[in-house]
Protein backbone atom coordinates (compact mmCIF):
# COMPACT_ATOMS: atom_id res chain seq x y z
CA MET A 1 166.81 54.70 193.98
CA SER A 2 163.63 53.77 192.03
CA GLU A 3 162.71 53.99 188.71
CA ASN A 4 160.00 56.43 189.09
CA ASN A 5 162.44 58.39 191.19
CA ASN A 6 165.24 59.10 188.29
CA LEU A 7 162.32 59.75 185.89
CA GLU A 8 161.53 62.69 188.44
CA LEU A 9 164.94 63.68 188.98
CA ASP A 10 165.18 63.53 184.93
CA ILE A 11 162.17 65.45 184.03
CA ASN A 12 163.52 67.94 187.04
CA GLN A 13 166.71 68.56 185.31
CA LEU A 14 165.34 68.77 181.78
CA MET A 15 162.84 71.12 183.27
CA LYS A 16 165.85 73.54 184.89
CA VAL A 17 167.32 73.22 181.25
CA ARG A 18 164.03 74.48 179.79
CA LYS A 19 164.15 77.34 182.26
CA GLU A 20 167.28 78.28 181.65
CA LYS A 21 166.41 78.67 177.98
CA LEU A 22 163.54 80.86 178.55
CA ASP A 23 165.57 82.84 180.88
CA LYS A 24 167.92 83.59 177.71
CA LEU A 25 165.56 84.74 175.63
CA LYS A 26 164.09 86.82 177.95
CA GLN A 27 167.36 88.44 178.45
CA GLU A 28 167.32 88.93 174.79
CA GLY A 29 163.94 90.54 174.45
CA LYS A 30 162.87 87.66 172.99
CA ASP A 31 160.21 86.22 175.74
CA PRO A 32 157.57 84.03 173.44
CA TYR A 33 155.10 84.92 176.37
CA SER A 34 154.74 88.27 175.34
CA ILE A 35 153.33 87.64 171.62
CA THR A 36 149.44 88.01 171.92
CA LYS A 37 148.83 87.26 168.34
CA PHE A 38 149.71 85.00 165.47
CA SER A 39 147.60 85.21 162.18
CA ARG A 40 147.58 81.93 160.27
CA THR A 41 146.28 81.32 156.98
CA HIS A 42 145.64 77.67 156.85
CA THR A 43 145.86 74.23 159.44
CA SER A 44 147.61 71.14 158.77
CA LYS A 45 144.50 69.56 157.48
CA GLU A 46 144.00 72.73 154.88
CA VAL A 47 147.33 71.86 153.69
CA LYS A 48 147.12 68.25 153.12
CA ASP A 49 143.82 68.57 151.49
CA ASN A 50 144.41 71.33 149.17
CA TYR A 51 147.76 70.77 148.12
CA GLU A 52 147.22 70.73 144.61
CA GLU A 53 146.23 74.30 144.92
CA LEU A 54 148.78 75.54 147.45
CA GLU A 55 151.81 73.68 145.98
CA GLY A 56 154.46 76.19 145.81
CA LYS A 57 152.60 78.96 147.83
CA ASP A 58 153.44 80.31 151.27
CA VAL A 59 151.14 79.42 153.84
CA THR A 60 151.60 80.07 157.76
CA ILE A 61 150.71 77.87 160.51
CA ALA A 62 150.82 77.31 164.06
CA GLY A 63 151.32 74.39 166.30
CA ARG A 64 153.38 72.16 168.59
CA ILE A 65 156.69 70.76 168.12
CA MET A 66 156.07 66.71 168.06
CA ALA A 67 159.43 65.37 166.60
CA LYS A 68 163.02 67.60 165.71
CA ARG A 69 165.64 65.93 162.95
CA ILE A 70 168.29 68.36 163.58
CA MET A 71 170.70 67.32 160.28
CA GLY A 72 173.72 70.06 160.87
CA LYS A 73 172.59 73.11 158.28
CA ALA A 74 168.91 71.65 157.70
CA SER A 75 166.57 69.80 159.78
CA PHE A 76 162.56 68.40 159.85
CA CYS A 77 160.20 69.09 162.55
CA HIS A 78 156.41 67.99 162.84
CA ILE A 79 154.17 70.36 164.01
CA GLN A 80 150.78 69.51 165.89
CA ASP A 81 147.70 71.52 165.58
CA SER A 82 143.83 71.22 166.83
CA THR A 83 143.64 69.03 162.84
CA GLY A 84 146.64 66.83 162.58
CA LYS A 85 150.29 66.94 161.75
CA ILE A 86 152.55 68.27 159.17
CA GLN A 87 156.11 68.31 158.50
CA SER A 88 158.41 71.23 157.39
CA TYR A 89 161.61 71.49 156.65
CA VAL A 90 164.22 74.21 158.33
CA SER A 91 167.49 75.49 157.19
CA ILE A 92 170.13 77.82 158.15
CA ASN A 93 169.99 79.05 154.05
CA ASP A 94 166.24 80.36 154.32
CA LEU A 95 166.26 81.19 157.77
CA GLY A 96 169.98 83.01 158.29
CA GLU A 97 172.07 81.93 161.11
CA GLU A 98 170.69 83.44 163.61
CA SER A 99 166.92 82.22 163.51
CA TYR A 100 168.10 78.39 162.81
CA LYS A 101 170.32 78.53 165.61
CA ALA A 102 167.01 79.39 167.73
CA PHE A 103 165.39 76.85 166.18
CA LYS A 104 167.60 74.10 167.21
CA GLU A 105 167.40 75.50 171.00
CA ASP A 106 163.48 75.11 170.40
CA ASP A 107 162.07 71.73 172.88
CA ILE A 108 159.59 69.17 171.98
CA GLY A 109 156.28 70.38 173.08
CA ASP A 110 156.66 74.50 172.37
CA ILE A 111 154.69 75.95 170.00
CA ILE A 112 155.48 77.89 166.72
CA GLY A 113 154.43 79.51 164.29
CA ILE A 114 155.82 78.71 160.77
CA THR A 115 155.62 80.43 157.09
CA GLY A 116 156.51 78.66 153.91
CA PHE A 117 156.01 77.32 150.81
CA VAL A 118 154.28 73.58 150.10
CA PHE A 119 156.08 70.95 148.64
CA LYS A 120 156.79 67.35 148.89
CA THR A 121 159.71 65.49 149.59
CA LYS A 122 161.34 62.89 147.87
CA THR A 123 159.29 60.47 149.95
CA GLY A 124 156.14 61.76 148.74
CA GLU A 125 155.47 63.62 152.13
CA ILE A 126 153.78 67.01 152.23
CA SER A 127 155.74 69.29 154.07
CA ILE A 128 156.40 73.19 154.68
CA HIS A 129 159.44 74.68 153.43
CA ALA A 130 160.20 77.07 156.04
CA LYS A 131 160.87 80.74 155.43
CA GLN A 132 160.30 82.59 158.79
CA LEU A 133 160.20 80.80 162.26
CA VAL A 134 158.48 82.33 165.37
CA LEU A 135 158.71 80.69 169.03
CA LEU A 136 154.75 81.27 170.36
CA SER A 137 155.56 79.46 173.66
CA LYS A 138 157.90 77.82 175.46
CA SER A 139 156.89 74.36 176.82
CA LEU A 140 158.87 73.84 180.46
CA LYS A 141 157.78 70.56 180.90
CA PRO A 142 158.41 67.98 178.98
CA LEU A 143 155.83 65.45 177.21
CA PRO A 144 155.88 62.04 177.39
CA GLU A 145 158.09 59.67 175.73
CA LYS A 146 156.78 59.88 172.18
CA PHE A 147 157.00 56.16 171.92
CA HIS A 148 155.68 55.25 175.12
CA GLY A 149 152.85 57.76 175.61
CA LEU A 150 150.75 58.76 178.60
CA LYS A 151 149.43 55.30 179.51
CA ASP A 152 148.51 55.74 183.21
CA MET A 153 144.58 56.14 183.29
CA ASP A 154 144.47 57.75 186.20
CA LEU A 155 147.13 60.87 185.14
CA ARG A 156 145.35 60.87 181.61
CA TYR A 157 141.95 61.80 183.34
CA ARG A 158 143.82 64.37 185.86
CA GLN A 159 146.07 65.93 182.76
CA ARG A 160 143.73 65.75 180.35
CA TYR A 161 145.34 68.36 177.86
CA VAL A 162 148.45 66.15 177.81
CA ASP A 163 146.20 63.27 177.19
CA LEU A 164 144.64 65.21 174.03
CA ILE A 165 148.50 65.79 173.05
CA VAL A 166 149.80 62.79 172.98
CA ASN A 167 147.07 60.37 171.99
CA PRO A 168 145.40 61.34 169.03
CA GLU A 169 142.67 58.73 169.59
CA VAL A 170 141.13 60.75 172.29
CA LYS A 171 140.95 63.55 170.76
CA GLU A 172 138.69 62.00 167.91
CA THR A 173 136.65 60.71 171.08
CA PHE A 174 136.22 63.99 171.66
CA ILE A 175 135.16 65.15 168.22
CA LYS A 176 133.06 62.53 167.62
CA ARG A 177 131.29 63.43 171.51
CA ALA A 178 130.45 66.94 169.81
CA GLU A 179 129.24 65.12 166.37
CA ILE A 180 126.84 63.06 168.27
CA ILE A 181 125.33 65.86 170.38
CA LYS A 182 124.90 67.66 167.52
CA GLU A 183 123.18 65.34 165.66
CA ILE A 184 121.01 64.72 168.32
CA ARG A 185 120.01 68.18 168.44
CA LYS A 186 118.95 68.14 164.44
CA PHE A 187 116.74 65.37 165.07
CA MET A 188 115.04 66.81 168.00
CA GLU A 189 114.71 70.09 165.97
CA ASN A 190 113.29 68.43 162.90
CA ASN A 191 110.62 66.44 165.28
CA GLY A 192 109.06 69.75 166.70
CA TYR A 193 110.76 69.78 170.03
CA MET A 194 112.19 73.43 170.94
CA GLU A 195 115.76 73.75 173.35
CA VAL A 196 115.04 75.20 176.37
CA GLU A 197 117.21 75.91 179.86
CA THR A 198 115.98 75.16 183.24
CA PRO A 199 117.50 75.91 186.48
CA ILE A 200 120.38 73.80 188.18
CA LEU A 201 119.97 75.27 191.49
CA THR A 202 116.42 73.99 192.84
CA THR A 203 115.32 74.46 196.50
CA VAL A 204 113.56 71.06 196.32
CA ALA A 205 115.48 68.18 195.57
CA THR A 206 113.33 65.92 193.36
CA GLY A 207 112.75 64.26 189.82
CA ASP A 208 114.04 60.92 190.73
CA ALA A 209 115.73 58.96 193.62
CA ALA A 210 119.09 60.03 193.90
CA ARG A 211 121.19 61.80 196.71
CA PRO A 212 121.50 65.64 196.05
CA PHE A 213 124.49 67.90 196.00
CA ILE A 214 123.67 70.12 199.04
CA THR A 215 124.87 74.26 199.01
CA HIS A 216 123.25 77.09 200.84
CA HIS A 217 122.52 80.48 199.28
CA ASN A 218 124.23 83.26 201.70
CA THR A 219 122.33 86.30 200.36
CA LEU A 220 118.57 84.46 201.19
CA ASP A 221 120.18 82.28 203.66
CA LEU A 222 118.46 79.26 202.02
CA GLN A 223 119.86 75.53 201.53
CA MET A 224 119.73 74.67 197.99
CA TYR A 225 120.13 71.86 196.03
CA LEU A 226 122.06 70.79 192.74
CA ARG A 227 119.00 69.74 190.44
CA ILE A 228 119.18 65.35 190.06
CA ALA A 229 117.00 65.93 187.17
CA PRO A 230 115.20 68.86 184.89
CA GLU A 231 111.98 67.11 185.05
CA LEU A 232 109.63 68.81 187.05
CA ASN A 233 110.45 72.38 185.63
CA LEU A 234 110.50 70.90 182.05
CA LYS A 235 106.64 69.65 182.63
CA ARG A 236 106.09 72.92 184.46
CA LEU A 237 106.65 74.25 180.72
CA ILE A 238 103.91 71.60 179.14
CA VAL A 239 101.42 73.24 181.70
CA GLY A 240 102.42 76.51 180.38
CA GLY A 241 101.80 75.57 176.95
CA PHE A 242 104.96 73.84 175.19
CA ASP A 243 103.56 71.13 173.44
CA LYS A 244 107.24 69.61 172.89
CA VAL A 245 110.23 70.79 174.85
CA TYR A 246 113.77 69.36 175.61
CA GLU A 247 117.07 70.12 177.59
CA ILE A 248 120.70 68.85 177.29
CA GLY A 249 122.63 69.71 180.37
CA LYS A 250 124.49 68.55 183.72
CA ASN A 251 122.63 66.80 186.42
CA PHE A 252 124.03 66.11 189.84
CA ARG A 253 123.92 63.28 192.18
CA ASN A 254 125.84 62.80 195.45
CA GLU A 255 126.53 59.11 194.63
CA GLY A 256 128.98 56.60 194.13
CA MET A 257 131.82 56.61 191.14
CA ASP A 258 132.32 53.90 188.72
CA ILE A 259 132.80 53.30 184.81
CA LYS A 260 128.82 54.27 184.35
CA HIS A 261 129.03 56.74 186.79
CA ASN A 262 130.36 60.16 187.35
CA PRO A 263 128.82 62.76 190.10
CA GLU A 264 127.77 65.03 187.07
CA PHE A 265 126.63 63.96 184.26
CA THR A 266 125.06 65.34 180.70
CA ASN A 267 121.79 64.11 180.08
CA MET A 268 118.78 65.31 177.83
CA GLU A 269 115.04 65.11 178.68
CA PHE A 270 112.17 65.72 176.43
CA TYR A 271 108.46 65.91 177.05
CA SER A 272 105.56 66.05 174.28
CA ALA A 273 102.31 66.60 175.31
CA TYR A 274 99.27 64.41 174.12
CA GLU A 275 101.79 61.36 174.04
CA ASP A 276 102.33 58.40 176.13
CA TYR A 277 105.48 56.12 176.62
CA ASN A 278 104.83 54.01 173.65
CA ASP A 279 105.40 57.36 171.55
CA MET A 280 108.57 57.74 173.80
CA MET A 281 109.50 54.25 172.49
CA ASN A 282 109.23 55.16 169.08
CA ILE A 283 111.29 58.26 169.39
CA ALA A 284 113.87 56.85 171.02
CA GLU A 285 114.35 54.33 168.71
CA ASN A 286 114.40 56.18 165.58
CA LEU A 287 116.98 58.89 167.52
CA ILE A 288 119.79 56.45 168.40
CA SER A 289 119.82 54.42 165.43
CA THR A 290 119.33 58.00 163.61
CA VAL A 291 122.09 59.41 165.41
CA ALA A 292 124.45 56.21 165.08
CA GLN A 293 123.69 56.01 161.16
CA ASN A 294 124.77 60.23 160.69
CA THR A 295 128.13 59.58 162.51
CA LEU A 296 128.80 56.33 162.36
CA GLY A 297 127.83 55.60 158.68
CA THR A 298 125.95 52.32 160.29
CA THR A 299 123.60 50.70 162.32
CA THR A 300 125.52 48.31 163.14
CA ILE A 301 128.14 48.61 166.12
CA THR A 302 130.70 46.89 168.40
CA TYR A 303 130.96 47.79 172.12
CA GLU A 304 133.12 45.90 174.47
CA GLY A 305 133.29 42.48 171.94
CA GLU A 306 129.73 42.14 171.67
CA GLU A 307 127.98 43.40 167.84
CA ILE A 308 125.25 45.82 168.78
CA ASN A 309 122.18 46.53 166.17
CA LEU A 310 120.71 49.59 166.48
CA ALA A 311 118.72 49.12 163.25
CA PRO A 312 114.67 50.06 164.68
CA GLY A 313 112.88 46.82 165.55
CA TRP A 314 113.98 46.98 169.05
CA LYS A 315 112.89 44.19 171.88
CA LYS A 316 109.81 45.45 174.51
CA ILE A 317 109.09 43.15 177.16
CA THR A 318 107.46 44.02 180.50
CA MET A 319 109.47 43.80 183.40
CA ILE A 320 107.90 40.97 185.32
CA GLU A 321 107.96 39.01 182.05
CA ALA A 322 111.85 39.45 181.65
CA ILE A 323 111.90 37.99 185.15
CA LYS A 324 110.43 35.16 184.66
CA GLU A 325 112.52 34.50 181.45
CA VAL A 326 115.37 34.45 183.09
CA THR A 327 114.76 33.47 187.02
CA GLY A 328 111.15 31.27 186.27
CA VAL A 329 109.88 33.93 189.19
CA ASP A 330 106.25 34.84 187.64
CA PHE A 331 105.46 38.09 189.93
CA ASN A 332 101.91 38.03 188.14
CA LYS A 333 101.66 35.04 190.70
CA ILE A 334 102.92 36.67 193.65
CA ASN A 335 100.59 39.43 195.07
CA THR A 336 101.74 40.46 198.36
CA ASP A 337 104.75 42.01 200.25
CA GLU A 338 105.58 39.05 202.54
CA GLU A 339 105.29 36.23 199.79
CA ALA A 340 107.67 38.60 197.91
CA GLN A 341 110.17 38.65 200.57
CA ALA A 342 109.95 35.09 200.83
CA ILE A 343 110.65 34.13 197.12
CA ALA A 344 113.84 37.35 197.67
CA LYS A 345 114.99 35.36 200.25
CA GLU A 346 114.70 31.84 198.52
CA LYS A 347 116.77 33.31 195.62
CA GLY A 348 119.19 35.15 197.77
CA VAL A 349 117.97 38.79 196.54
CA GLU A 350 118.70 41.53 198.92
CA TYR A 351 116.87 44.21 200.01
CA GLU A 352 116.45 47.27 202.40
CA GLU A 353 114.05 46.81 205.21
CA ILE A 354 112.77 50.15 204.04
CA LYS A 355 112.24 49.03 200.56
CA ASN A 356 110.79 45.77 201.64
CA THR A 357 107.05 46.27 199.37
CA ARG A 358 106.28 43.38 196.32
CA GLY A 359 107.15 46.36 194.39
CA HIS A 360 110.53 47.08 195.56
CA ILE A 361 111.64 43.64 195.80
CA ILE A 362 110.45 43.34 191.75
CA ASN A 363 112.90 45.89 190.60
CA GLU A 364 115.80 43.97 193.02
CA PHE A 365 114.80 41.04 191.08
CA PHE A 366 115.35 42.70 187.62
CA GLU A 367 118.79 44.54 188.88
CA THR A 368 120.32 41.16 189.99
CA PHE A 369 119.02 39.07 187.53
CA VAL A 370 117.93 40.42 184.54
CA GLU A 371 119.79 43.74 183.57
CA ASP A 372 123.47 42.16 182.80
CA THR A 373 121.80 39.52 180.08
CA LEU A 374 120.06 42.97 178.14
CA ILE A 375 122.55 43.04 175.04
CA GLN A 376 120.76 43.90 172.36
CA PRO A 377 118.58 47.06 172.57
CA THR A 378 115.34 46.00 174.73
CA PHE A 379 112.79 48.33 176.35
CA ILE A 380 111.85 46.57 179.78
CA MET A 381 108.23 48.08 180.72
CA ASP A 382 105.61 48.47 183.18
CA TYR A 383 107.76 49.11 186.78
CA PRO A 384 106.45 49.02 189.58
CA VAL A 385 104.57 52.31 191.08
CA GLU A 386 106.82 52.14 194.27
CA VAL A 387 110.04 53.03 192.27
CA SER A 388 108.30 55.44 189.92
CA PRO A 389 106.61 58.32 191.80
CA LEU A 390 106.20 60.50 188.85
CA THR A 391 104.38 58.03 186.38
CA LYS A 392 100.93 57.14 185.33
CA ARG A 393 99.52 53.93 187.15
CA LYS A 394 98.46 51.24 184.55
CA LYS A 395 94.85 50.90 184.01
CA GLU A 396 94.81 46.87 184.10
CA ASP A 397 96.88 46.81 187.19
CA PRO A 398 97.48 49.98 189.33
CA ARG A 399 100.10 48.34 191.07
CA LEU A 400 102.44 49.48 188.30
CA VAL A 401 103.20 52.54 185.80
CA GLU A 402 103.34 53.17 182.60
CA ARG A 403 106.75 53.66 182.54
CA PHE A 404 110.04 51.79 180.47
CA GLU A 405 113.80 51.75 180.53
CA LEU A 406 116.02 51.23 177.49
CA PHE A 407 118.85 48.73 177.97
CA ILE A 408 121.98 48.30 175.30
CA GLY A 409 124.93 45.81 176.37
CA GLY A 410 123.46 45.32 179.95
CA ARG A 411 123.47 49.07 180.93
CA GLU A 412 120.66 51.57 181.02
CA TYR A 413 120.54 54.54 178.44
CA GLY A 414 116.68 55.85 179.02
CA ASN A 415 114.30 55.94 181.26
CA ALA A 416 110.16 57.38 180.12
CA TYR A 417 107.04 57.31 181.39
CA SER A 418 103.15 58.08 180.71
CA GLU A 419 103.77 61.47 182.78
CA LEU A 420 101.23 61.44 185.79
CA ASN A 421 99.21 64.63 185.86
CA ASP A 422 96.76 63.81 188.27
CA PRO A 423 97.64 66.42 191.23
CA ILE A 424 96.20 64.00 194.15
CA ASP A 425 98.02 60.88 193.53
CA GLN A 426 100.95 63.02 192.77
CA TYR A 427 100.54 64.44 196.14
CA GLN A 428 100.22 61.52 198.11
CA ARG A 429 103.58 60.05 196.14
CA PHE A 430 105.14 63.15 196.84
CA LEU A 431 104.29 62.09 200.98
CA LYS A 432 104.91 58.47 200.81
CA GLN A 433 108.71 59.98 199.48
CA VAL A 434 108.89 62.17 202.57
CA GLU A 435 107.90 59.27 204.56
CA ALA A 436 110.59 57.37 203.23
CA LYS A 437 113.28 59.95 203.57
CA GLU A 438 112.48 60.72 207.18
CA LYS A 439 113.04 57.05 207.49
CA GLY A 440 116.33 57.41 206.52
CA ASP A 441 115.86 56.90 202.44
CA GLU A 442 118.90 59.35 201.22
CA GLU A 443 117.97 59.15 197.79
CA ALA A 444 113.99 59.88 198.19
CA GLY A 445 112.57 63.05 196.93
CA GLY A 446 111.09 66.14 198.83
CA MET A 447 107.70 67.61 198.54
CA ASP A 448 107.12 70.21 196.02
CA GLU A 449 104.13 71.71 196.36
CA ASP A 450 104.80 74.48 193.70
CA PHE A 451 104.68 71.66 191.26
CA VAL A 452 101.55 70.01 192.56
CA ASN A 453 100.07 73.18 191.99
CA ALA A 454 101.25 73.53 188.56
CA LEU A 455 99.30 70.19 187.64
CA GLU A 456 96.39 71.77 189.93
CA ILE A 457 96.01 74.43 187.16
CA GLY A 458 95.79 71.36 184.42
CA MET A 459 98.90 69.23 182.42
CA PRO A 460 97.92 67.62 179.53
CA PRO A 461 98.62 63.75 178.90
CA THR A 462 102.30 64.01 178.44
CA GLY A 463 105.05 61.27 177.32
CA GLY A 464 108.45 61.91 178.58
CA MET A 465 112.01 60.44 178.71
CA GLY A 466 115.67 60.94 179.86
CA ILE A 467 118.52 60.01 178.06
CA GLY A 468 121.99 60.04 179.81
CA LEU A 469 124.31 61.32 176.91
CA ASP A 470 127.83 60.41 178.41
CA ARG A 471 126.41 56.91 177.85
CA LEU A 472 125.20 56.89 174.70
CA ILE A 473 128.32 58.79 173.45
CA MET A 474 130.31 55.38 175.83
CA LEU A 475 128.14 53.16 173.29
CA LEU A 476 129.05 55.00 169.99
CA THR A 477 132.50 55.32 170.71
CA ASN A 478 133.19 52.03 172.22
CA SER A 479 134.61 53.47 175.35
CA PRO A 480 134.55 51.18 178.17
CA SER A 481 134.47 53.76 180.89
CA ILE A 482 132.40 57.06 181.41
CA ARG A 483 135.65 58.78 182.22
CA ASP A 484 137.08 58.15 178.56
CA VAL A 485 134.02 60.69 177.41
CA LEU A 486 134.42 63.89 179.91
CA PHE A 487 136.77 66.40 179.06
CA PHE A 488 137.35 66.39 182.91
CA PRO A 489 135.91 63.35 184.83
CA THR A 490 135.55 63.62 189.11
CA MET A 491 139.05 62.76 190.68
CA LYS A 492 139.82 62.96 194.01
CA PRO A 493 142.81 65.23 194.65
CA LEU A 494 146.36 64.01 195.30
CA ASN A 495 146.55 66.06 198.02
């Protein structure tokens, strides 16, 4: 019999014993699940932080038993709550024989409430001398072994609730996530942006190049999509007269999954009237460096072994210049689709037949040769128009647009434009997207006639940007996978 089978038998036996304990408690009229409320006076951290004030005074705490040491008529246990762990001294003299016997039957993982006075043990550990103890919830399934912990990453993601209990550093990551998002909101509001909400269910899959999730509205008998981006609705608000708006929310893309991608992810998009992509560079640089300083106390971080400096002064370079720096290929001297296809073949760059233009091939060159080399924060500017359907063209070269993406540690963290506000140009680009979709491009967007109508009403010159917050949180917490910063990442069912 394998070790895993033995372990499963052991767990089943332990669960059987725990279930028998629960049945006995119920027979005695002491069902822990019948308790609806327990009033606490302090958390474990508050007790420790305020020891001098609380020494000798009674407190009431509650938490999960993480360790027990039974020593005849006196015992110790460690209780873990949302703020940390604290020790409790439990004796038969204080609880009485019946309550002490009940405590000895409690298991690791059970949730208990303790009332007692605060003191220090001979070894100097701040503890609670229990006077009363009550079982609040019975743990029927044992936690992973204390010293081995929960190491199986797949199981950790599936059972995040257990992961959070037995791996304290995981909880710290999610506490840091909340702090980061709080600081982002503070920064945006301090810079005059208003937070808004826009629909997640949409009738047109557009706003970016991505394969959408499709659903159906029964009452309206209408095909709908989970949004791939809130962009067009946020720009409608700019048309409506809100000069600075931002939204933090979920986007959904029916695409592959890896350490950088989850089908649903948290994104922030923001738009500012009368600004352009240069202004978006400034705000992105200041936002990320400020958030790093306020949450980490520094703008110099280490991510996957690389030291990265997030202090302002980030590199700015055009996509064509970046390709030339790395490969020596100068697309300023390659002017036709045929020339681009030839150099792609020469350099071994693959491209789809429906994406065989000079612009698409420039983008493929960048993704193939350049992206991974961009370790320090870098703004890659001036993308081909073919891969940027919502962006203003550059006056100097209409084949390019006023767009940048932000790269750090070889990954993309943000995408920004001088937003296209020409309704005629926008309509034509939507038509090209529809054409591409009809030719089999599942990532091509659809036609949004109402958005064209909004542009016809008139949208001022506008700068806009989207930042992937999950990736930013990965960066600031040195987390290798997006699953490490999502409470409940998408997982394939086991059955």
